[in-house]
Amino acid sequence: MKITHDELIYKIWLAQLKKLSSSVLCRFIGGGIGVCSEDYYMQRSSVHIVERKSITDKIGPQQLRKKILELIDGGLLIWTHRNCTFMLDTKQAKEAFESARNFMLSKGVPTGWDSENECMRTVKVDDVEALRSECHQHLLQHFKQIDWAQAYGEEQAA
């Protein structure tokens, strides 16, 4: 079965949003969680090449890898860590990352270093999966429609 570049970019975008809903959280020793720093945008937004099967099952993994490489070579996606992780790097993607962080912060999940106790600020959450799911729904509500002008580089990325 065939998949167009637009369909694949959209599926990668949805995978990126889903990844953000969990990757903005960091687990720490003792079971606490915290929100990652705003400096982690690319690391937390990236999809690993071995996770490509979660993007779509319309084509096989080798064909999917080939299409992802075509999108990277065409400048529509970028490698973020060697040739292992990739992402759609747009202003909208940065806004989605910030929105996911702010969502978790609004739910009482802390971020940053606690200099008094000399450790990261964390909190224990009873149902982390429910929190991630709620964040994913929040991201879909606000960012499900991809900004195609940004995706195709017609508007400068952040």
C-alpha atoms as a PDB file:
ATOM      1  CA  MET A   1       0.000   0.000   0.000  1.00  0.00           C
ATOM      2  CA  LYS A   2       1.248   3.507  -0.741  1.00  0.00           C
ATOM      3  CA  ILE A   3       1.450   6.490   1.540  1.00  0.00           C
ATOM      4  CA  THR A   4       2.018  10.066   0.379  1.00  0.00           C
ATOM      5  CA  HIS A   5       4.582  12.388   1.920  1.00  0.00           C
ATOM      6  CA  ASP A   6       1.757  14.516   3.342  1.00  0.00           C
ATOM      7  CA  GLU A   7       0.127  11.479   4.975  1.00  0.00           C
ATOM      8  CA  LEU A   8       3.446  10.387   6.431  1.00  0.00           C
ATOM      9  CA  ILE A   9       4.324  13.851   7.731  1.00  0.00           C
ATOM     10  CA  TYR A  10       0.910  14.035   9.408  1.00  0.00           C
ATOM     11  CA  LYS A  11       1.360  10.595  11.001  1.00  0.00           C
ATOM     12  CA  ILE A  12       4.829  11.602  12.224  1.00  0.00           C
ATOM     13  CA  TRP A  13       3.289  14.780  13.660  1.00  0.00           C
ATOM     14  CA  LEU A  14       0.678  12.737  15.552  1.00  0.00           C
ATOM     15  CA  ALA A  15       3.402  10.376  16.823  1.00  0.00           C
ATOM     16  CA  GLN A  16       5.436  13.380  17.934  1.00  0.00           C
ATOM     17  CA  LEU A  17       2.446  14.767  19.873  1.00  0.00           C
ATOM     18  CA  LYS A  18       1.862  11.403  21.543  1.00  0.00           C
ATOM     19  CA  LYS A  19       5.534  11.158  22.469  1.00  0.00           C
ATOM     20  CA  LEU A  20       5.474  14.654  23.984  1.00  0.00           C
ATOM     21  CA  SER A  21       2.653  13.714  26.352  1.00  0.00           C
ATOM     22  CA  SER A  22       4.983  11.325  28.152  1.00  0.00           C
ATOM     23  CA  SER A  23       8.481  12.549  27.335  1.00  0.00           C
ATOM     24  CA  VAL A  24       8.100  15.913  29.082  1.00  0.00           C
ATOM     25  CA  LEU A  25       8.052  13.898  32.315  1.00  0.00           C
ATOM     26  CA  CYS A  26      11.254  12.616  33.907  1.00  0.00           C
ATOM     27  CA  ARG A  27      11.316   9.729  36.381  1.00  0.00           C
ATOM     28  CA  PHE A  28      13.679   9.984  39.311  1.00  0.00           C
ATOM     29  CA  ILE A  29      15.033   7.615  41.950  1.00  0.00           C
ATOM     30  CA  GLY A  30      12.434   7.108  44.625  1.00  0.00           C
ATOM     31  CA  GLY A  31       9.504   7.116  42.217  1.00  0.00           C
ATOM     32  CA  GLY A  32       9.066  10.850  41.848  1.00  0.00           C
ATOM     33  CA  ILE A  33       8.433  12.570  38.542  1.00  0.00           C
ATOM     34  CA  GLY A  34       9.250  16.052  37.355  1.00  0.00           C
ATOM     35  CA  VAL A  35       8.831  18.133  34.223  1.00  0.00           C
ATOM     36  CA  CYS A  36      11.873  18.342  31.947  1.00  0.00           C
ATOM     37  CA  SER A  37      13.670  21.616  31.359  1.00  0.00           C
ATOM     38  CA  GLU A  38      12.661  23.815  28.422  1.00  0.00           C
ATOM     39  CA  ASP A  39      16.146  23.114  27.030  1.00  0.00           C
ATOM     40  CA  TYR A  40      15.089  19.558  26.178  1.00  0.00           C
ATOM     41  CA  TYR A  41      12.831  20.508  23.252  1.00  0.00           C
ATOM     42  CA  MET A  42      14.587  18.490  20.544  1.00  0.00           C
ATOM     43  CA  GLN A  43      15.437  15.512  22.723  1.00  0.00           C
ATOM     44  CA  ARG A  44      11.889  15.170  24.076  1.00  0.00           C
ATOM     45  CA  SER A  45      10.162  15.810  20.725  1.00  0.00           C
ATOM     46  CA  SER A  46      12.169  13.305  18.698  1.00  0.00           C
ATOM     47  CA  VAL A  47      10.998   9.920  17.491  1.00  0.00           C
ATOM     48  CA  HIS A  48      13.597   7.142  17.460  1.00  0.00           C
ATOM     49  CA  ILE A  49      14.048   5.412  14.121  1.00  0.00           C
ATOM     50  CA  VAL A  50      13.312   2.017  15.724  1.00  0.00           C
ATOM     51  CA  GLU A  51       9.935   3.384  16.892  1.00  0.00           C
ATOM     52  CA  ARG A  52       8.850   3.969  13.300  1.00  0.00           C
ATOM     53  CA  LYS A  53       6.399   1.041  13.396  1.00  0.00           C
ATOM     54  CA  SER A  54       4.283   3.093  15.811  1.00  0.00           C
ATOM     55  CA  ILE A  55       3.897   5.791  13.135  1.00  0.00           C
ATOM     56  CA  THR A  56       1.947   3.742  10.600  1.00  0.00           C
ATOM     57  CA  ASP A  57       1.327   0.178   9.527  1.00  0.00           C
ATOM     58  CA  LYS A  58       0.265   1.155   5.991  1.00  0.00           C
ATOM     59  CA  ILE A  59       3.735   0.259   4.692  1.00  0.00           C
ATOM     60  CA  GLY A  60       6.497  -2.039   5.903  1.00  0.00           C
ATOM     61  CA  PRO A  61       9.293  -0.880   8.209  1.00  0.00           C
ATOM     62  CA  GLN A  62      11.969  -0.795   5.481  1.00  0.00           C
ATOM     63  CA  GLN A  63       9.794   1.225   3.105  1.00  0.00           C
ATOM     64  CA  LEU A  64       8.855   3.517   5.986  1.00  0.00           C
ATOM     65  CA  ARG A  65      12.527   4.043   6.850  1.00  0.00           C
ATOM     66  CA  LYS A  66      13.235   4.864   3.204  1.00  0.00           C
ATOM     67  CA  LYS A  67      10.412   7.439   3.129  1.00  0.00           C
ATOM     68  CA  ILE A  68      11.583   9.000   6.399  1.00  0.00           C
ATOM     69  CA  LEU A  69      15.078   9.345   4.921  1.00  0.00           C
ATOM     70  CA  GLU A  70      13.565  10.983   1.812  1.00  0.00           C
ATOM     71  CA  LEU A  71      11.773  13.511   4.041  1.00  0.00           C
ATOM     72  CA  ILE A  72      15.006  14.208   5.922  1.00  0.00           C
ATOM     73  CA  ASP A  73      16.978  14.587   2.678  1.00  0.00           C
ATOM     74  CA  GLY A  74      14.236  16.923   1.428  1.00  0.00           C
ATOM     75  CA  GLY A  75      14.574  19.109   4.526  1.00  0.00           C
ATOM     76  CA  LEU A  76      11.077  18.359   5.833  1.00  0.00           C
ATOM     77  CA  LEU A  77      12.328  16.410   8.864  1.00  0.00           C
ATOM     78  CA  ILE A  78      15.604  16.714  10.742  1.00  0.00           C
ATOM     79  CA  TRP A  79      17.925  14.272  12.455  1.00  0.00           C
ATOM     80  CA  THR A  80      18.195  15.282  16.103  1.00  0.00           C
ATOM     81  CA  HIS A  81      20.756  12.805  17.411  1.00  0.00           C
ATOM     82  CA  ARG A  82      23.100  11.282  14.883  1.00  0.00           C
ATOM     83  CA  ASN A  83      21.020   9.127  12.552  1.00  0.00           C
ATOM     84  CA  CYS A  84      18.883   7.688  15.331  1.00  0.00           C
ATOM     85  CA  THR A  85      16.147  10.196  16.125  1.00  0.00           C
ATOM     86  CA  PHE A  86      14.196  12.562  13.909  1.00  0.00           C
ATOM     87  CA  MET A  87      11.453  15.144  14.206  1.00  0.00           C
ATOM     88  CA  LEU A  88       9.384  17.778  12.490  1.00  0.00           C
ATOM     89  CA  ASP A  89      11.054  20.987  13.722  1.00  0.00           C
ATOM     90  CA  THR A  90       8.631  23.884  13.360  1.00  0.00           C
ATOM     91  CA  LYS A  91       7.382  26.788  15.429  1.00  0.00           C
ATOM     92  CA  GLN A  92       4.206  24.756  15.990  1.00  0.00           C
ATOM     93  CA  ALA A  93       6.280  21.807  17.292  1.00  0.00           C
ATOM     94  CA  LYS A  94       8.041  24.112  19.762  1.00  0.00           C
ATOM     95  CA  GLU A  95       4.653  25.473  20.873  1.00  0.00           C
ATOM     96  CA  ALA A  96       3.355  21.916  21.376  1.00  0.00           C
ATOM     97  CA  PHE A  97       6.401  21.096  23.534  1.00  0.00           C
ATOM     98  CA  GLU A  98       5.850  24.226  25.629  1.00  0.00           C
ATOM     99  CA  SER A  99       2.138  23.427  25.905  1.00  0.00           C
ATOM    100  CA  ALA A 100       2.864  19.883  27.130  1.00  0.00           C
ATOM    101  CA  ARG A 101       5.290  21.253  29.741  1.00  0.00           C
ATOM    102  CA  ASN A 102       2.815  23.904  30.879  1.00  0.00           C
ATOM    103  CA  PHE A 103       0.036  21.312  31.065  1.00  0.00           C
ATOM    104  CA  MET A 104       2.098  19.126  33.408  1.00  0.00           C
ATOM    105  CA  LEU A 105       3.151  22.135  35.482  1.00  0.00           C
ATOM    106  CA  SER A 106      -0.516  23.154  35.807  1.00  0.00           C
ATOM    107  CA  LYS A 107      -1.251  19.670  37.188  1.00  0.00           C
ATOM    108  CA  GLY A 108       1.240  20.241  39.997  1.00  0.00           C
ATOM    109  CA  VAL A 109       4.227  18.391  38.565  1.00  0.00           C
ATOM    110  CA  PRO A 110       7.299  20.476  39.466  1.00  0.00           C
ATOM    111  CA  THR A 111      10.451  21.223  37.521  1.00  0.00           C
ATOM    112  CA  GLY A 112      13.956  22.372  38.310  1.00  0.00           C
ATOM    113  CA  TRP A 113      16.579  21.976  40.986  1.00  0.00           C
ATOM    114  CA  ASP A 114      15.783  22.282  44.705  1.00  0.00           C
ATOM    115  CA  SER A 115      18.986  23.861  46.060  1.00  0.00           C
ATOM    116  CA  GLU A 116      17.825  23.605  49.672  1.00  0.00           C
ATOM    117  CA  ASN A 117      17.478  19.797  49.478  1.00  0.00           C
ATOM    118  CA  GLU A 118      20.097  19.426  46.722  1.00  0.00           C
ATOM    119  CA  CYS A 119      17.898  17.363  44.433  1.00  0.00           C
ATOM    120  CA  MET A 120      15.449  17.738  41.579  1.00  0.00           C
ATOM    121  CA  ARG A 121      11.938  18.847  42.453  1.00  0.00           C
ATOM    122  CA  THR A 122       9.608  15.881  42.083  1.00  0.00           C
ATOM    123  CA  VAL A 123       6.188  14.659  43.098  1.00  0.00           C
ATOM    124  CA  LYS A 124       4.639  11.210  43.298  1.00  0.00           C
ATOM    125  CA  VAL A 125       1.638  10.764  41.017  1.00  0.00           C
ATOM    126  CA  ASP A 126      -0.795   7.897  41.599  1.00  0.00           C
ATOM    127  CA  ASP A 127      -1.863   7.454  37.987  1.00  0.00           C
ATOM    128  CA  VAL A 128       0.845   8.706  35.639  1.00  0.00           C
ATOM    129  CA  GLU A 129      -0.799   7.002  32.646  1.00  0.00           C
ATOM    130  CA  ALA A 130      -4.037   8.946  33.184  1.00  0.00           C
ATOM    131  CA  LEU A 131      -2.033  12.178  33.388  1.00  0.00           C
ATOM    132  CA  ARG A 132      -0.186  11.331  30.157  1.00  0.00           C
ATOM    133  CA  SER A 133      -3.452  10.466  28.429  1.00  0.00           C
ATOM    134  CA  GLU A 134      -5.005  13.750  29.557  1.00  0.00           C
ATOM    135  CA  CYS A 135      -1.962  15.634  28.256  1.00  0.00           C
ATOM    136  CA  HIS A 136      -2.177  13.783  24.928  1.00  0.00           C
ATOM    137  CA  GLN A 137      -5.842  14.787  24.571  1.00  0.00           C
ATOM    138  CA  HIS A 138      -4.892  18.380  25.420  1.00  0.00           C
ATOM    139  CA  LEU A 139      -2.215  18.369  22.692  1.00  0.00           C
ATOM    140  CA  LEU A 140      -4.598  16.873  20.133  1.00  0.00           C
ATOM    141  CA  GLN A 141      -7.219  19.471  20.986  1.00  0.00           C
ATOM    142  CA  HIS A 142      -4.785  22.329  20.381  1.00  0.00           C
ATOM    143  CA  PHE A 143      -2.311  20.984  17.819  1.00  0.00           C
ATOM    144  CA  LYS A 144      -3.943  18.163  15.833  1.00  0.00           C
ATOM    145  CA  GLN A 145      -4.112  20.276  12.683  1.00  0.00           C
ATOM    146  CA  ILE A 146      -0.600  20.576  11.359  1.00  0.00           C
ATOM    147  CA  ASP A 147       0.560  23.960  10.076  1.00  0.00           C
ATOM    148  CA  TRP A 148       1.495  22.909   6.536  1.00  0.00           C
ATOM    149  CA  ALA A 149       3.192  26.220   5.723  1.00  0.00           C
ATOM    150  CA  GLN A 150       5.606  25.595   8.596  1.00  0.00           C
ATOM    151  CA  ALA A 151       5.981  21.897   7.758  1.00  0.00           C
ATOM    152  CA  TYR A 152       7.037  22.731   4.208  1.00  0.00           C
ATOM    153  CA  GLY A 153       9.362  25.523   5.343  1.00  0.00           C
ATOM    154  CA  GLU A 154       7.263  28.318   3.861  1.00  0.00           C
ATOM    155  CA  GLU A 155       7.374  29.898   7.305  1.00  0.00           C
ATOM    156  CA  GLN A 156      10.631  29.989   9.293  1.00  0.00           C
ATOM    157  CA  ALA A 157      10.955  27.403  12.066  1.00  0.00           C
ATOM    158  CA  ALA A 158      11.674  28.617  15.580  1.00  0.00           C
END
